């Protein structure tokens, strides 16, 4: 971050924590930089959760999860950023449960992300059990059954919980 002559550094806005992950020009040898960016995102979601800013934590974690899946697998060495990204799943699941998202909305998002091939970080219905509750879990299971009729291969890939 460059400083401005008329504002002290502590008054400058922080850089967008998603900027690097949203960059479509992924450079394969930037794993270290991506790892740091993912670690910063995890800290930001943790901070929002600590302040009980659940809706903000949920939105940031959801967007990060989608962007990470699009960029990190393209790196020459995706292991470190992928391992850091795994911490977003329980944070996102908790934020879903606390933010007031309806169980059907959580189930729909989860199944859609999984069906679209979300792999990094890996998502599972078990991780979202609290956010889904009985109603959302039933909706998830029913949707998975319907998907099985339409696309058995995808349904079998998702049916791991």
Protein backbone atom coordinates (compact mmCIF):
# COMPACT_ATOMS: atom_id res chain seq x y z
CA UNK A 1 0.00 0.00 0.00
CA UNK A 2 1.35 3.43 -0.87
CA UNK A 3 0.77 6.26 1.49
CA UNK A 4 -0.82 9.54 0.64
CA UNK A 5 0.89 12.76 1.70
CA UNK A 6 -2.32 14.22 3.13
CA UNK A 7 -3.58 11.18 5.12
CA UNK A 8 -1.75 9.24 7.82
CA UNK A 9 -1.38 5.53 7.06
CA UNK A 10 -3.83 4.51 9.80
CA UNK A 11 -6.60 6.52 8.10
CA UNK A 12 -6.10 5.02 4.65
CA UNK A 13 -8.62 2.34 3.67
CA UNK A 14 -7.29 -1.20 3.68
CA UNK A 15 -6.76 -2.91 0.37
CA UNK A 16 -9.62 -5.10 -0.85
CA UNK A 17 -8.92 -8.52 0.66
CA UNK A 18 -10.44 -10.21 -2.38
CA UNK A 19 -8.50 -8.25 -5.01
CA UNK A 20 -5.74 -10.78 -5.61
CA UNK A 21 -8.14 -13.72 -5.63
CA UNK A 22 -10.46 -11.95 -8.06
CA UNK A 23 -7.57 -11.30 -10.46
CA UNK A 24 -8.27 -13.28 -13.63
CA UNK A 25 -4.58 -13.17 -14.56
CA UNK A 26 -3.51 -15.89 -12.16
CA UNK A 27 0.22 -16.40 -12.35
CA UNK A 28 1.10 -20.02 -11.55
CA UNK A 29 4.14 -19.15 -9.44
CA UNK A 30 2.35 -16.80 -7.02
CA UNK A 31 1.33 -19.46 -4.46
CA UNK A 32 3.07 -17.66 -1.61
CA UNK A 33 1.23 -14.44 -2.39
CA UNK A 34 -2.10 -16.26 -2.70
CA UNK A 35 -1.46 -18.08 0.59
CA UNK A 36 -0.97 -14.74 2.33
CA UNK A 37 -4.11 -13.34 0.70
CA UNK A 38 -6.20 -16.32 1.82
CA UNK A 39 -4.74 -16.11 5.33
CA UNK A 40 -5.71 -12.41 5.42
CA UNK A 41 -9.25 -13.28 4.32
CA UNK A 42 -9.57 -15.90 7.04
CA UNK A 43 -8.44 -13.31 9.61
CA UNK A 44 -10.94 -10.79 8.27
CA UNK A 45 -13.82 -13.28 8.48
CA UNK A 46 -12.68 -14.23 12.00
CA UNK A 47 -12.63 -10.56 12.98
CA UNK A 48 -16.12 -9.96 11.59
CA UNK A 49 -17.35 -13.06 13.40
CA UNK A 50 -15.74 -11.89 16.62
CA UNK A 51 -17.66 -8.64 16.30
CA UNK A 52 -20.81 -10.66 15.56
CA UNK A 53 -21.08 -9.02 12.15
CA UNK A 54 -22.54 -12.28 10.86
CA UNK A 55 -24.04 -11.02 7.60
CA UNK A 56 -20.76 -9.37 6.61
CA UNK A 57 -18.76 -12.43 7.64
CA UNK A 58 -21.07 -14.68 5.64
CA UNK A 59 -20.94 -12.52 2.52
CA UNK A 60 -17.14 -12.16 2.59
CA UNK A 61 -16.55 -15.87 3.26
CA UNK A 62 -19.01 -16.94 0.54
CA UNK A 63 -17.38 -14.67 -2.05
CA UNK A 64 -13.91 -15.79 -0.99
CA UNK A 65 -14.84 -19.47 -1.24
CA UNK A 66 -16.05 -18.98 -4.82
CA UNK A 67 -13.01 -16.93 -5.86
CA UNK A 68 -10.54 -19.31 -4.23
CA UNK A 69 -11.99 -22.22 -6.16
CA UNK A 70 -11.52 -20.29 -9.41
CA UNK A 71 -7.94 -19.16 -8.82
CA UNK A 72 -6.02 -21.35 -6.38
CA UNK A 73 -6.25 -24.60 -8.42
CA UNK A 74 -4.51 -22.76 -11.29
CA UNK A 75 -1.37 -22.20 -9.23
CA UNK A 76 1.66 -24.39 -9.80
CA UNK A 77 1.63 -25.24 -6.08
CA UNK A 78 -1.94 -24.85 -4.75
CA UNK A 79 -1.44 -26.87 -1.54
CA UNK A 80 -0.60 -24.07 0.93
CA UNK A 81 -3.37 -21.66 -0.13
CA UNK A 82 -5.84 -24.55 -0.32
CA UNK A 83 -4.95 -25.60 3.23
CA UNK A 84 -5.45 -22.03 4.46
CA UNK A 85 -8.78 -21.84 2.58
CA UNK A 86 -10.13 -24.87 4.45
CA UNK A 87 -10.47 -22.63 7.52
CA UNK A 88 -13.12 -20.59 5.68
CA UNK A 89 -15.63 -23.45 5.60
CA UNK A 90 -16.41 -23.66 9.35
CA UNK A 91 -16.31 -19.86 9.58
CA UNK A 92 -18.76 -19.55 6.69
CA UNK A 93 -21.00 -22.28 8.09
CA UNK A 94 -21.15 -20.54 11.47
CA UNK A 95 -21.84 -17.19 9.83
CA UNK A 96 -24.65 -18.81 7.81
CA UNK A 97 -26.19 -20.15 11.00
CA UNK A 98 -25.89 -16.84 12.86
CA UNK A 99 -26.69 -14.38 10.07
CA UNK A 100 -30.31 -15.33 9.70
CA UNK A 101 -30.03 -17.06 6.34
CA UNK A 102 -32.90 -19.46 5.91
CA UNK A 103 -32.04 -23.17 5.93
CA UNK A 104 -33.44 -23.51 2.41
CA UNK A 105 -31.14 -20.71 1.19
CA UNK A 106 -28.11 -22.39 2.78
CA UNK A 107 -29.09 -25.75 1.26
CA UNK A 108 -29.60 -24.20 -2.18
CA UNK A 109 -26.25 -22.37 -2.06
CA UNK A 110 -24.39 -25.43 -0.81
CA UNK A 111 -25.83 -27.80 -3.41
CA UNK A 112 -25.32 -25.27 -6.22
CA UNK A 113 -21.69 -24.67 -5.22
CA UNK A 114 -21.03 -28.40 -5.00
CA UNK A 115 -22.80 -29.17 -8.29
CA UNK A 116 -20.78 -26.44 -10.00
CA UNK A 117 -17.60 -28.27 -8.99
CA UNK A 118 -16.53 -26.32 -5.89
CA UNK A 119 -13.43 -28.17 -4.68
CA UNK A 120 -11.12 -25.67 -2.96
CA UNK A 121 -12.09 -25.44 -0.21
CA UNK A 122 -14.18 -28.59 -0.11
CA UNK A 123 -17.76 -28.13 1.05
CA UNK A 124 -19.94 -30.73 2.72
CA UNK A 125 -23.43 -30.81 4.17
CA UNK A 126 -21.92 -32.08 7.42
CA UNK A 127 -19.90 -28.88 7.82
CA UNK A 128 -23.12 -26.87 7.44
CA UNK A 129 -25.28 -29.03 9.73
CA UNK A 130 -26.07 -26.23 12.19
CA UNK A 131 -26.90 -23.75 9.43
CA UNK A 132 -29.03 -26.30 7.59
CA UNK A 133 -30.90 -27.60 10.62
CA UNK A 134 -33.43 -30.37 10.04
CA UNK A 135 -35.40 -28.36 7.48
CA UNK A 136 -32.38 -27.44 5.37
CA UNK A 137 -30.90 -30.93 5.63
CA UNK A 138 -34.18 -32.38 4.37
CA UNK A 139 -34.24 -29.88 1.49
CA UNK A 140 -30.61 -30.65 0.66
CA UNK A 141 -31.32 -34.40 0.66
CA UNK A 142 -34.44 -33.97 -1.49
CA UNK A 143 -32.53 -31.81 -3.97
CA UNK A 144 -29.71 -34.31 -4.06
CA UNK A 145 -32.23 -37.08 -4.82
CA UNK A 146 -33.75 -35.00 -7.64
CA UNK A 147 -30.27 -34.29 -8.99
CA UNK A 148 -29.59 -38.02 -8.95
CA UNK A 149 -32.47 -38.52 -11.39
CA UNK A 150 -31.13 -35.79 -13.70
CA UNK A 151 -27.37 -36.28 -13.36
CA UNK A 152 -26.41 -39.45 -11.48
CA UNK A 153 -22.66 -38.81 -11.84
CA UNK A 154 -22.78 -35.40 -10.20
CA UNK A 155 -25.16 -36.62 -7.50
CA UNK A 156 -22.87 -39.55 -6.67
CA UNK A 157 -19.91 -37.17 -6.38
CA UNK A 158 -21.85 -34.99 -3.94
CA UNK A 159 -23.40 -37.78 -1.89
CA UNK A 160 -20.51 -38.12 0.57
CA UNK A 161 -22.16 -36.94 3.81
